[in-house]
Amino acid sequence: MSAFKDKIVVITGGSEGIGKALVDAFLQQGAKVATCGRNYDKLYQLQKNHPGKPLVIHSADVSKEADCRNFIEKAIAQFGTIDILINNAGISMRALVADVELDTIRQVMDINFWGTVYCTKFALPYITKNNGTVVGVSSIAGYRGLPGRSGYSASKYAVNGWLEALRTELLGSGTNVMWVCPGFTTSNIRNVALNKEGKSQGESPMDEGKMMSAEECAQHILKAIQKRKRTLVLTFTGKRTVFMNKFFPSLADKLVKNFFFKNGELVK
């Protein structure tokens, strides 16, 4: 029998990418799932793909406290409790600090950091009662600041630090807190990344064909939750980046600069 059979799993940003793959995977494992996103049409299509399955969808913008509260309350109204919360909703950006508008950084922080804080805060009483799990889908950018992604890196550092503090507060309580760094994984997050003016850039400069799929990433996350891990860093490039930045930070500065810039121009 699956370890997730009849577990109540709440996933933010479940309409596409890693979030959608997580919804699919948990439903296949017999879990009951509630998910949210800003695009109701995509959520509705997701629900149609799982006829008869215990899937609750809710239109929400996680940067708004009221939306997060309403989403968690809807999950509770439908399922009565929460065992696992996965804070997956997020947005990226691509602009140099010298060029980016402050509202763009603020928007990234509101979604990535405050969205995690809001949903976790509202769901926490149920999760702790069930000795459940809180997960934050973070990024390598939460370990190593990435050029052109200053606001994104700041938001993921904030997520990692906040979850680490929460984990320490709950140590020994039976509740697990974990953050996941997918590395370079195929995801729509790069396509909808904000430019310097806070508008969607519309295309990814990365070669998505060489990256881990969202479905494979979701399977790694499920296994890590089952094993109640502390952290999960995925892909060889991701692990190497974290290692290099920890032990050889000056060299990492140069390698990261060379990776993201060509002839002085930001290319990735």
C-alpha atoms as a PDB file:
ATOM      1  CA  MET A   1       0.000   0.000   0.000  1.00  0.00           C
ATOM      2  CA  SER A   2       1.227   3.495  -0.817  1.00  0.00           C
ATOM      3  CA  ALA A   3       2.555   5.592   2.070  1.00  0.00           C
ATOM      4  CA  PHE A   4       0.373   8.419   0.752  1.00  0.00           C
ATOM      5  CA  LYS A   5      -2.907   6.485   0.565  1.00  0.00           C
ATOM      6  CA  ASP A   6      -5.712   8.772   1.855  1.00  0.00           C
ATOM      7  CA  LYS A   7      -3.227  11.463   2.951  1.00  0.00           C
ATOM      8  CA  ILE A   8      -4.425  15.046   2.507  1.00  0.00           C
ATOM      9  CA  VAL A   9      -1.918  16.887   0.340  1.00  0.00           C
ATOM     10  CA  VAL A  10      -2.122  20.617  -0.402  1.00  0.00           C
ATOM     11  CA  ILE A  11      -0.028  21.921  -3.304  1.00  0.00           C
ATOM     12  CA  THR A  12       0.260  25.544  -4.432  1.00  0.00           C
ATOM     13  CA  GLY A  13       0.880  26.313  -8.091  1.00  0.00           C
ATOM     14  CA  GLY A  14      -0.490  23.003  -9.318  1.00  0.00           C
ATOM     15  CA  SER A  15      -1.710  24.016 -12.766  1.00  0.00           C
ATOM     16  CA  GLU A  16       1.571  23.342 -14.607  1.00  0.00           C
ATOM     17  CA  GLY A  17       5.224  22.360 -14.300  1.00  0.00           C
ATOM     18  CA  ILE A  18       6.451  20.679 -11.137  1.00  0.00           C
ATOM     19  CA  GLY A  19       3.211  21.499  -9.322  1.00  0.00           C
ATOM     20  CA  LYS A  20       1.078  19.694 -11.885  1.00  0.00           C
ATOM     21  CA  ALA A  21       3.461  16.726 -11.866  1.00  0.00           C
ATOM     22  CA  LEU A  22       3.126  16.587  -8.080  1.00  0.00           C
ATOM     23  CA  VAL A  23      -0.677  16.640  -8.280  1.00  0.00           C
ATOM     24  CA  ASP A  24      -0.616  13.785 -10.807  1.00  0.00           C
ATOM     25  CA  ALA A  25       1.859  11.759  -8.738  1.00  0.00           C
ATOM     26  CA  PHE A  26       0.038  12.098  -5.424  1.00  0.00           C
ATOM     27  CA  LEU A  27      -3.328  11.222  -6.950  1.00  0.00           C
ATOM     28  CA  GLN A  28      -1.746   8.126  -8.480  1.00  0.00           C
ATOM     29  CA  GLN A  29      -0.529   7.202  -4.995  1.00  0.00           C
ATOM     30  CA  GLY A  30      -4.063   7.398  -3.602  1.00  0.00           C
ATOM     31  CA  ALA A  31      -3.768  10.761  -1.859  1.00  0.00           C
ATOM     32  CA  LYS A  32      -6.486  13.403  -1.651  1.00  0.00           C
ATOM     33  CA  VAL A  33      -5.217  16.633  -3.178  1.00  0.00           C
ATOM     34  CA  ALA A  34      -6.114  20.316  -3.060  1.00  0.00           C
ATOM     35  CA  THR A  35      -4.279  22.667  -5.391  1.00  0.00           C
ATOM     36  CA  CYS A  36      -4.419  26.293  -6.435  1.00  0.00           C
ATOM     37  CA  GLY A  37      -3.192  28.529  -9.217  1.00  0.00           C
ATOM     38  CA  ARG A  38      -3.965  31.852 -10.848  1.00  0.00           C
ATOM     39  CA  ASN A  39      -5.233  30.340 -14.105  1.00  0.00           C
ATOM     40  CA  TYR A  40      -8.591  28.690 -13.444  1.00  0.00           C
ATOM     41  CA  ASP A  41      -8.859  27.273 -16.976  1.00  0.00           C
ATOM     42  CA  LYS A  42      -5.656  25.272 -16.480  1.00  0.00           C
ATOM     43  CA  LEU A  43      -6.866  24.094 -13.072  1.00  0.00           C
ATOM     44  CA  TYR A  44     -10.193  23.022 -14.559  1.00  0.00           C
ATOM     45  CA  GLN A  45      -8.399  21.062 -17.281  1.00  0.00           C
ATOM     46  CA  LEU A  46      -6.261  19.419 -14.604  1.00  0.00           C
ATOM     47  CA  GLN A  47      -9.398  18.353 -12.761  1.00  0.00           C
ATOM     48  CA  LYS A  48     -10.903  16.981 -15.987  1.00  0.00           C
ATOM     49  CA  ASN A  49      -7.769  14.862 -16.437  1.00  0.00           C
ATOM     50  CA  HIS A  50      -8.564  13.105 -13.139  1.00  0.00           C
ATOM     51  CA  PRO A  51     -12.277  12.232 -13.299  1.00  0.00           C
ATOM     52  CA  GLY A  52     -13.620  10.799 -10.084  1.00  0.00           C
ATOM     53  CA  LYS A  53     -10.408  11.499  -8.177  1.00  0.00           C
ATOM     54  CA  PRO A  54     -10.413  13.447  -4.861  1.00  0.00           C
ATOM     55  CA  LEU A  55      -9.019  16.680  -6.315  1.00  0.00           C
ATOM     56  CA  VAL A  56     -10.049  20.156  -5.148  1.00  0.00           C
ATOM     57  CA  ILE A  57      -9.053  23.151  -7.277  1.00  0.00           C
ATOM     58  CA  HIS A  58      -9.078  26.790  -6.228  1.00  0.00           C
ATOM     59  CA  SER A  59      -8.168  29.984  -8.065  1.00  0.00           C
ATOM     60  CA  ALA A  60      -5.719  31.945  -5.912  1.00  0.00           C
ATOM     61  CA  ASP A  61      -2.831  34.389  -6.053  1.00  0.00           C
ATOM     62  CA  VAL A  62      -0.493  33.301  -3.261  1.00  0.00           C
ATOM     63  CA  SER A  63       0.960  36.805  -2.964  1.00  0.00           C
ATOM     64  CA  LYS A  64      -2.361  37.781  -1.356  1.00  0.00           C
ATOM     65  CA  GLU A  65      -2.915  36.759   2.264  1.00  0.00           C
ATOM     66  CA  ALA A  66      -6.701  36.492   1.862  1.00  0.00           C
ATOM     67  CA  ASP A  67      -6.367  34.199  -1.163  1.00  0.00           C
ATOM     68  CA  CYS A  68      -4.065  31.868   0.775  1.00  0.00           C
ATOM     69  CA  ARG A  69      -6.403  31.798   3.762  1.00  0.00           C
ATOM     70  CA  ASN A  70      -9.381  31.022   1.516  1.00  0.00           C
ATOM     71  CA  PHE A  71      -7.479  28.244  -0.243  1.00  0.00           C
ATOM     72  CA  ILE A  72      -6.451  26.526   2.986  1.00  0.00           C
ATOM     73  CA  GLU A  73      -9.969  26.928   4.387  1.00  0.00           C
ATOM     74  CA  LYS A  74     -11.416  25.336   1.248  1.00  0.00           C
ATOM     75  CA  ALA A  75      -9.077  22.350   1.616  1.00  0.00           C
ATOM     76  CA  ILE A  76     -10.106  21.965   5.263  1.00  0.00           C
ATOM     77  CA  ALA A  77     -13.800  22.278   4.411  1.00  0.00           C
ATOM     78  CA  GLN A  78     -13.459  19.511   1.829  1.00  0.00           C
ATOM     79  CA  PHE A  79     -11.062  17.102   3.564  1.00  0.00           C
ATOM     80  CA  GLY A  80     -11.163  18.085   7.262  1.00  0.00           C
ATOM     81  CA  THR A  81      -7.399  18.343   7.779  1.00  0.00           C
ATOM     82  CA  ILE A  82      -3.983  18.591   6.077  1.00  0.00           C
ATOM     83  CA  ASP A  83      -1.106  16.108   6.263  1.00  0.00           C
ATOM     84  CA  ILE A  84       1.318  17.577   3.730  1.00  0.00           C
ATOM     85  CA  LEU A  85       1.717  21.123   2.408  1.00  0.00           C
ATOM     86  CA  ILE A  86       3.932  21.730  -0.618  1.00  0.00           C
ATOM     87  CA  ASN A  87       4.665  25.410  -1.241  1.00  0.00           C
ATOM     88  CA  ASN A  88       5.413  25.121  -4.938  1.00  0.00           C
ATOM     89  CA  ALA A  89       3.975  28.316  -6.453  1.00  0.00           C
ATOM     90  CA  GLY A  90       6.694  30.658  -7.607  1.00  0.00           C
ATOM     91  CA  ILE A  91       7.907  33.075 -10.222  1.00  0.00           C
ATOM     92  CA  SER A  92      11.334  34.016 -11.516  1.00  0.00           C
ATOM     93  CA  MET A  93      12.853  37.124 -13.070  1.00  0.00           C
ATOM     94  CA  ARG A  94      15.570  37.992 -15.588  1.00  0.00           C
ATOM     95  CA  ALA A  95      17.081  41.461 -15.365  1.00  0.00           C
ATOM     96  CA  LEU A  96      20.229  43.105 -14.081  1.00  0.00           C
ATOM     97  CA  VAL A  97      20.062  44.968 -10.778  1.00  0.00           C
ATOM     98  CA  ALA A  98      21.012  48.198 -12.553  1.00  0.00           C
ATOM     99  CA  ASP A  99      18.026  47.883 -14.880  1.00  0.00           C
ATOM    100  CA  VAL A 100      15.256  46.173 -12.906  1.00  0.00           C
ATOM    101  CA  GLU A 101      12.350  48.126 -11.453  1.00  0.00           C
ATOM    102  CA  LEU A 102      11.868  47.751  -7.705  1.00  0.00           C
ATOM    103  CA  ASP A 103       8.259  46.620  -8.153  1.00  0.00           C
ATOM    104  CA  THR A 104       9.532  43.592 -10.088  1.00  0.00           C
ATOM    105  CA  ILE A 105      11.655  42.449  -7.143  1.00  0.00           C
ATOM    106  CA  ARG A 106       8.787  43.177  -4.770  1.00  0.00           C
ATOM    107  CA  GLN A 107       6.417  41.039  -6.867  1.00  0.00           C
ATOM    108  CA  VAL A 108       8.854  38.106  -6.861  1.00  0.00           C
ATOM    109  CA  MET A 109       9.257  38.361  -3.081  1.00  0.00           C
ATOM    110  CA  ASP A 110       5.498  38.566  -2.524  1.00  0.00           C
ATOM    111  CA  ILE A 111       4.829  35.377  -4.479  1.00  0.00           C
ATOM    112  CA  ASN A 112       7.839  33.247  -3.571  1.00  0.00           C
ATOM    113  CA  PHE A 113       8.420  34.224   0.059  1.00  0.00           C
ATOM    114  CA  TRP A 114       5.156  35.607   1.392  1.00  0.00           C
ATOM    115  CA  GLY A 115       3.126  32.975  -0.464  1.00  0.00           C
ATOM    116  CA  THR A 116       5.091  30.312   1.423  1.00  0.00           C
ATOM    117  CA  VAL A 117       4.653  32.139   4.734  1.00  0.00           C
ATOM    118  CA  TYR A 118       0.900  32.674   4.314  1.00  0.00           C
ATOM    119  CA  CYS A 119      -0.003  29.130   3.313  1.00  0.00           C
ATOM    120  CA  THR A 120       2.282  27.533   5.893  1.00  0.00           C
ATOM    121  CA  LYS A 121       0.949  29.725   8.686  1.00  0.00           C
ATOM    122  CA  PHE A 122      -2.680  28.880   7.932  1.00  0.00           C
ATOM    123  CA  ALA A 123      -2.059  25.156   7.410  1.00  0.00           C
ATOM    124  CA  LEU A 124       0.410  24.617  10.250  1.00  0.00           C
ATOM    125  CA  PRO A 125      -2.045  23.817  13.102  1.00  0.00           C
ATOM    126  CA  TYR A 126      -3.463  20.881  11.114  1.00  0.00           C
ATOM    127  CA  ILE A 127      -0.058  19.638   9.942  1.00  0.00           C
ATOM    128  CA  THR A 128       1.475  19.668  13.425  1.00  0.00           C
ATOM    129  CA  LYS A 129      -1.552  17.854  14.840  1.00  0.00           C
ATOM    130  CA  ASN A 130      -0.990  15.096  12.264  1.00  0.00           C
ATOM    131  CA  ASN A 131       2.819  14.997  12.591  1.00  0.00           C
ATOM    132  CA  GLY A 132       2.849  15.898   8.919  1.00  0.00           C
ATOM    133  CA  THR A 133       5.232  17.637   6.542  1.00  0.00           C
ATOM    134  CA  VAL A 134       5.804  21.177   5.270  1.00  0.00           C
ATOM    135  CA  VAL A 135       7.741  21.433   2.003  1.00  0.00           C
ATOM    136  CA  GLY A 136       9.144  24.474   0.275  1.00  0.00           C
ATOM    137  CA  VAL A 137      10.092  24.142  -3.388  1.00  0.00           C
ATOM    138  CA  SER A 138      13.135  26.400  -3.353  1.00  0.00           C
ATOM    139  CA  SER A 139      16.034  26.641  -5.791  1.00  0.00           C
ATOM    140  CA  ILE A 140      19.783  26.487  -6.215  1.00  0.00           C
ATOM    141  CA  ALA A 141      19.361  30.277  -6.237  1.00  0.00           C
ATOM    142  CA  GLY A 142      18.596  29.919  -2.524  1.00  0.00           C
ATOM    143  CA  TYR A 143      22.158  28.686  -1.982  1.00  0.00           C
ATOM    144  CA  ARG A 144      23.981  30.726  -4.618  1.00  0.00           C
ATOM    145  CA  GLY A 145      22.982  34.193  -5.832  1.00  0.00           C
ATOM    146  CA  LEU A 146      22.463  34.105  -9.592  1.00  0.00           C
ATOM    147  CA  PRO A 147      23.132  37.127 -11.840  1.00  0.00           C
ATOM    148  CA  GLY A 148      20.037  38.454 -13.516  1.00  0.00           C
ATOM    149  CA  ARG A 149      17.931  36.758 -10.840  1.00  0.00           C
ATOM    150  CA  SER A 150      18.699  38.964  -7.832  1.00  0.00           C
ATOM    151  CA  GLY A 151      15.096  39.160  -6.615  1.00  0.00           C
ATOM    152  CA  TYR A 152      14.537  35.465  -7.260  1.00  0.00           C
ATOM    153  CA  SER A 153      17.702  34.551  -5.352  1.00  0.00           C
ATOM    154  CA  ALA A 154      16.698  36.822  -2.468  1.00  0.00           C
ATOM    155  CA  SER A 155      13.253  35.234  -2.277  1.00  0.00           C
ATOM    156  CA  LYS A 156      14.653  31.698  -2.230  1.00  0.00           C
ATOM    157  CA  TYR A 157      17.287  32.549   0.390  1.00  0.00           C
ATOM    158  CA  ALA A 158      14.406  33.931   2.457  1.00  0.00           C
ATOM    159  CA  VAL A 159      12.353  30.767   1.958  1.00  0.00           C
ATOM    160  CA  ASN A 160      15.272  28.542   2.979  1.00  0.00           C
ATOM    161  CA  GLY A 161      16.023  30.605   6.078  1.00  0.00           C
ATOM    162  CA  TRP A 162      12.403  30.837   7.148  1.00  0.00           C
ATOM    163  CA  LEU A 163      11.806  27.116   6.742  1.00  0.00           C
ATOM    164  CA  GLU A 164      15.047  26.314   8.558  1.00  0.00           C
ATOM    165  CA  ALA A 165      13.898  28.442  11.486  1.00  0.00           C
ATOM    166  CA  LEU A 166      10.510  26.696  11.460  1.00  0.00           C
ATOM    167  CA  ARG A 167      12.143  23.287  11.266  1.00  0.00           C
ATOM    168  CA  THR A 168      14.280  24.095  14.300  1.00  0.00           C
ATOM    169  CA  GLU A 169      11.247  25.327  16.242  1.00  0.00           C
ATOM    170  CA  LEU A 170       9.444  22.053  15.507  1.00  0.00           C
ATOM    171  CA  LEU A 171      12.418  19.752  16.034  1.00  0.00           C
ATOM    172  CA  GLY A 172      11.317  16.748  18.085  1.00  0.00           C
ATOM    173  CA  SER A 173       7.628  17.537  17.601  1.00  0.00           C
ATOM    174  CA  GLY A 174       7.037  14.859  14.964  1.00  0.00           C
ATOM    175  CA  THR A 175       6.468  17.428  12.218  1.00  0.00           C
ATOM    176  CA  ASN A 176       8.985  17.512   9.371  1.00  0.00           C
ATOM    177  CA  VAL A 177      10.031  20.635   7.462  1.00  0.00           C
ATOM    178  CA  MET A 178      11.920  20.221   4.196  1.00  0.00           C
ATOM    179  CA  TRP A 179      13.049  22.396   1.323  1.00  0.00           C
ATOM    180  CA  VAL A 180      13.704  21.157  -2.195  1.00  0.00           C
ATOM    181  CA  CYS A 181      16.086  22.627  -4.759  1.00  0.00           C
ATOM    182  CA  PRO A 182      15.219  21.142  -8.173  1.00  0.00           C
ATOM    183  CA  GLY A 183      18.233  22.582  -9.994  1.00  0.00           C
ATOM    184  CA  PHE A 184      17.661  23.050 -13.727  1.00  0.00           C
ATOM    185  CA  THR A 185      14.338  21.295 -14.293  1.00  0.00           C
ATOM    186  CA  THR A 186      11.903  21.707 -17.178  1.00  0.00           C
ATOM    187  CA  SER A 187       9.314  24.139 -15.898  1.00  0.00           C
ATOM    188  CA  ASN A 188       7.184  26.981 -17.174  1.00  0.00           C
ATOM    189  CA  ILE A 189       8.751  29.207 -14.492  1.00  0.00           C
ATOM    190  CA  ARG A 190      11.390  30.439 -16.947  1.00  0.00           C
ATOM    191  CA  ASN A 191       8.850  31.220 -19.659  1.00  0.00           C
ATOM    192  CA  VAL A 192       6.773  33.380 -17.332  1.00  0.00           C
ATOM    193  CA  ALA A 193       9.827  34.922 -15.638  1.00  0.00           C
ATOM    194  CA  LEU A 194       9.500  38.671 -15.236  1.00  0.00           C
ATOM    195  CA  ASN A 195      11.645  41.089 -17.211  1.00  0.00           C
ATOM    196  CA  LYS A 196      12.999  44.349 -15.805  1.00  0.00           C
ATOM    197  CA  GLU A 197       9.556  45.973 -16.135  1.00  0.00           C
ATOM    198  CA  GLY A 198       7.755  43.152 -14.344  1.00  0.00           C
ATOM    199  CA  LYS A 199       6.234  41.679 -17.506  1.00  0.00           C
ATOM    200  CA  SER A 200       6.484  38.056 -18.641  1.00  0.00           C
ATOM    201  CA  GLN A 201       9.536  37.525 -20.875  1.00  0.00           C
ATOM    202  CA  GLY A 202       7.558  34.920 -22.828  1.00  0.00           C
ATOM    203  CA  GLU A 203      10.407  32.541 -23.664  1.00  0.00           C
ATOM    204  CA  SER A 204      13.226  30.721 -21.932  1.00  0.00           C
ATOM    205  CA  PRO A 205      16.881  31.335 -22.821  1.00  0.00           C
ATOM    206  CA  MET A 206      17.737  27.903 -21.396  1.00  0.00           C
ATOM    207  CA  ASP A 207      17.915  24.619 -23.337  1.00  0.00           C
ATOM    208  CA  GLU A 208      14.998  22.809 -21.683  1.00  0.00           C
ATOM    209  CA  GLY A 209      15.727  19.586 -23.577  1.00  0.00           C
ATOM    210  CA  LYS A 210      18.805  18.865 -21.443  1.00  0.00           C
ATOM    211  CA  MET A 211      17.022  19.316 -18.108  1.00  0.00           C
ATOM    212  CA  MET A 212      15.342  16.923 -15.691  1.00  0.00           C
ATOM    213  CA  SER A 213      11.629  16.554 -16.426  1.00  0.00           C
ATOM    214  CA  ALA A 214       9.004  17.862 -14.014  1.00  0.00           C
ATOM    215  CA  GLU A 215       7.661  14.321 -13.663  1.00  0.00           C
ATOM    216  CA  GLU A 216      11.034  12.923 -12.582  1.00  0.00           C
ATOM    217  CA  CYS A 217      11.477  15.825 -10.194  1.00  0.00           C
ATOM    218  CA  ALA A 218       8.081  15.088  -8.627  1.00  0.00           C
ATOM    219  CA  GLN A 219       9.037  11.467  -8.004  1.00  0.00           C
ATOM    220  CA  HIS A 220      12.195  12.569  -6.194  1.00  0.00           C
ATOM    221  CA  ILE A 221      10.136  14.905  -4.025  1.00  0.00           C
ATOM    222  CA  LEU A 222       7.658  12.158  -3.104  1.00  0.00           C
ATOM    223  CA  LYS A 223      10.482   9.856  -2.042  1.00  0.00           C
ATOM    224  CA  ALA A 224      12.101  12.625   0.018  1.00  0.00           C
ATOM    225  CA  ILE A 225       8.809  13.369   1.784  1.00  0.00           C
ATOM    226  CA  GLN A 226       8.319   9.686   2.553  1.00  0.00           C
ATOM    227  CA  LYS A 227      11.845   9.509   4.011  1.00  0.00           C
ATOM    228  CA  ARG A 228      11.230  12.796   5.906  1.00  0.00           C
ATOM    229  CA  LYS A 229      14.415  14.358   4.605  1.00  0.00           C
ATOM    230  CA  ARG A 230      15.695  17.768   5.642  1.00  0.00           C
ATOM    231  CA  THR A 231      16.778  18.989   2.219  1.00  0.00           C
ATOM    232  CA  LEU A 232      16.799  17.724  -1.356  1.00  0.00           C
ATOM    233  CA  VAL A 233      19.146  19.099  -4.003  1.00  0.00           C
ATOM    234  CA  LEU A 234      18.587  17.671  -7.476  1.00  0.00           C
ATOM    235  CA  THR A 235      20.681  17.328 -10.664  1.00  0.00           C
ATOM    236  CA  PHE A 236      24.443  17.065 -10.973  1.00  0.00           C
ATOM    237  CA  THR A 237      24.742  20.751 -11.867  1.00  0.00           C
ATOM    238  CA  GLY A 238      22.717  21.703  -8.810  1.00  0.00           C
ATOM    239  CA  LYS A 239      24.764  19.582  -6.414  1.00  0.00           C
ATOM    240  CA  ARG A 240      28.017  20.832  -7.939  1.00  0.00           C
ATOM    241  CA  THR A 241      26.933  24.463  -7.650  1.00  0.00           C
ATOM    242  CA  VAL A 242      26.024  24.114  -3.966  1.00  0.00           C
ATOM    243  CA  PHE A 243      29.309  22.298  -3.257  1.00  0.00           C
ATOM    244  CA  MET A 244      31.465  24.804  -5.123  1.00  0.00           C
ATOM    245  CA  ASN A 245      29.773  27.785  -3.519  1.00  0.00           C
ATOM    246  CA  LYS A 246      30.243  26.328  -0.029  1.00  0.00           C
ATOM    247  CA  PHE A 247      33.906  25.357  -0.305  1.00  0.00           C
ATOM    248  CA  PHE A 248      35.263  27.508  -3.183  1.00  0.00           C
ATOM    249  CA  PRO A 249      33.074  30.643  -3.249  1.00  0.00           C
ATOM    250  CA  SER A 250      35.501  32.861  -5.190  1.00  0.00           C
ATOM    251  CA  LEU A 251      35.870  30.252  -7.908  1.00  0.00           C
ATOM    252  CA  ALA A 252      32.078  29.820  -7.943  1.00  0.00           C
ATOM    253  CA  ASP A 253      31.728  33.562  -8.581  1.00  0.00           C
ATOM    254  CA  LYS A 254      33.789  33.232 -11.757  1.00  0.00           C
ATOM    255  CA  LEU A 255      32.148  30.027 -12.967  1.00  0.00           C
ATOM    256  CA  VAL A 256      28.652  31.390 -12.459  1.00  0.00           C
ATOM    257  CA  LYS A 257      29.578  34.645 -14.194  1.00  0.00           C
ATOM    258  CA  ASN A 258      30.941  32.726 -17.182  1.00  0.00           C
ATOM    259  CA  PHE A 259      27.817  30.554 -17.338  1.00  0.00           C
ATOM    260  CA  PHE A 260      25.337  33.424 -17.410  1.00  0.00           C
ATOM    261  CA  PHE A 261      27.294  36.023 -19.402  1.00  0.00           C
ATOM    262  CA  LYS A 262      28.827  36.101 -22.885  1.00  0.00           C
ATOM    263  CA  ASN A 263      30.798  39.097 -24.142  1.00  0.00           C
ATOM    264  CA  GLY A 264      29.587  41.068 -21.157  1.00  0.00           C
ATOM    265  CA  GLU A 265      25.908  40.413 -21.936  1.00  0.00           C
ATOM    266  CA  LEU A 266      23.451  38.388 -19.843  1.00  0.00           C
ATOM    267  CA  VAL A 267      22.556  35.419 -22.058  1.00  0.00           C
ATOM    268  CA  LYS A 268      20.860  32.995 -19.640  1.00  0.00           C
END
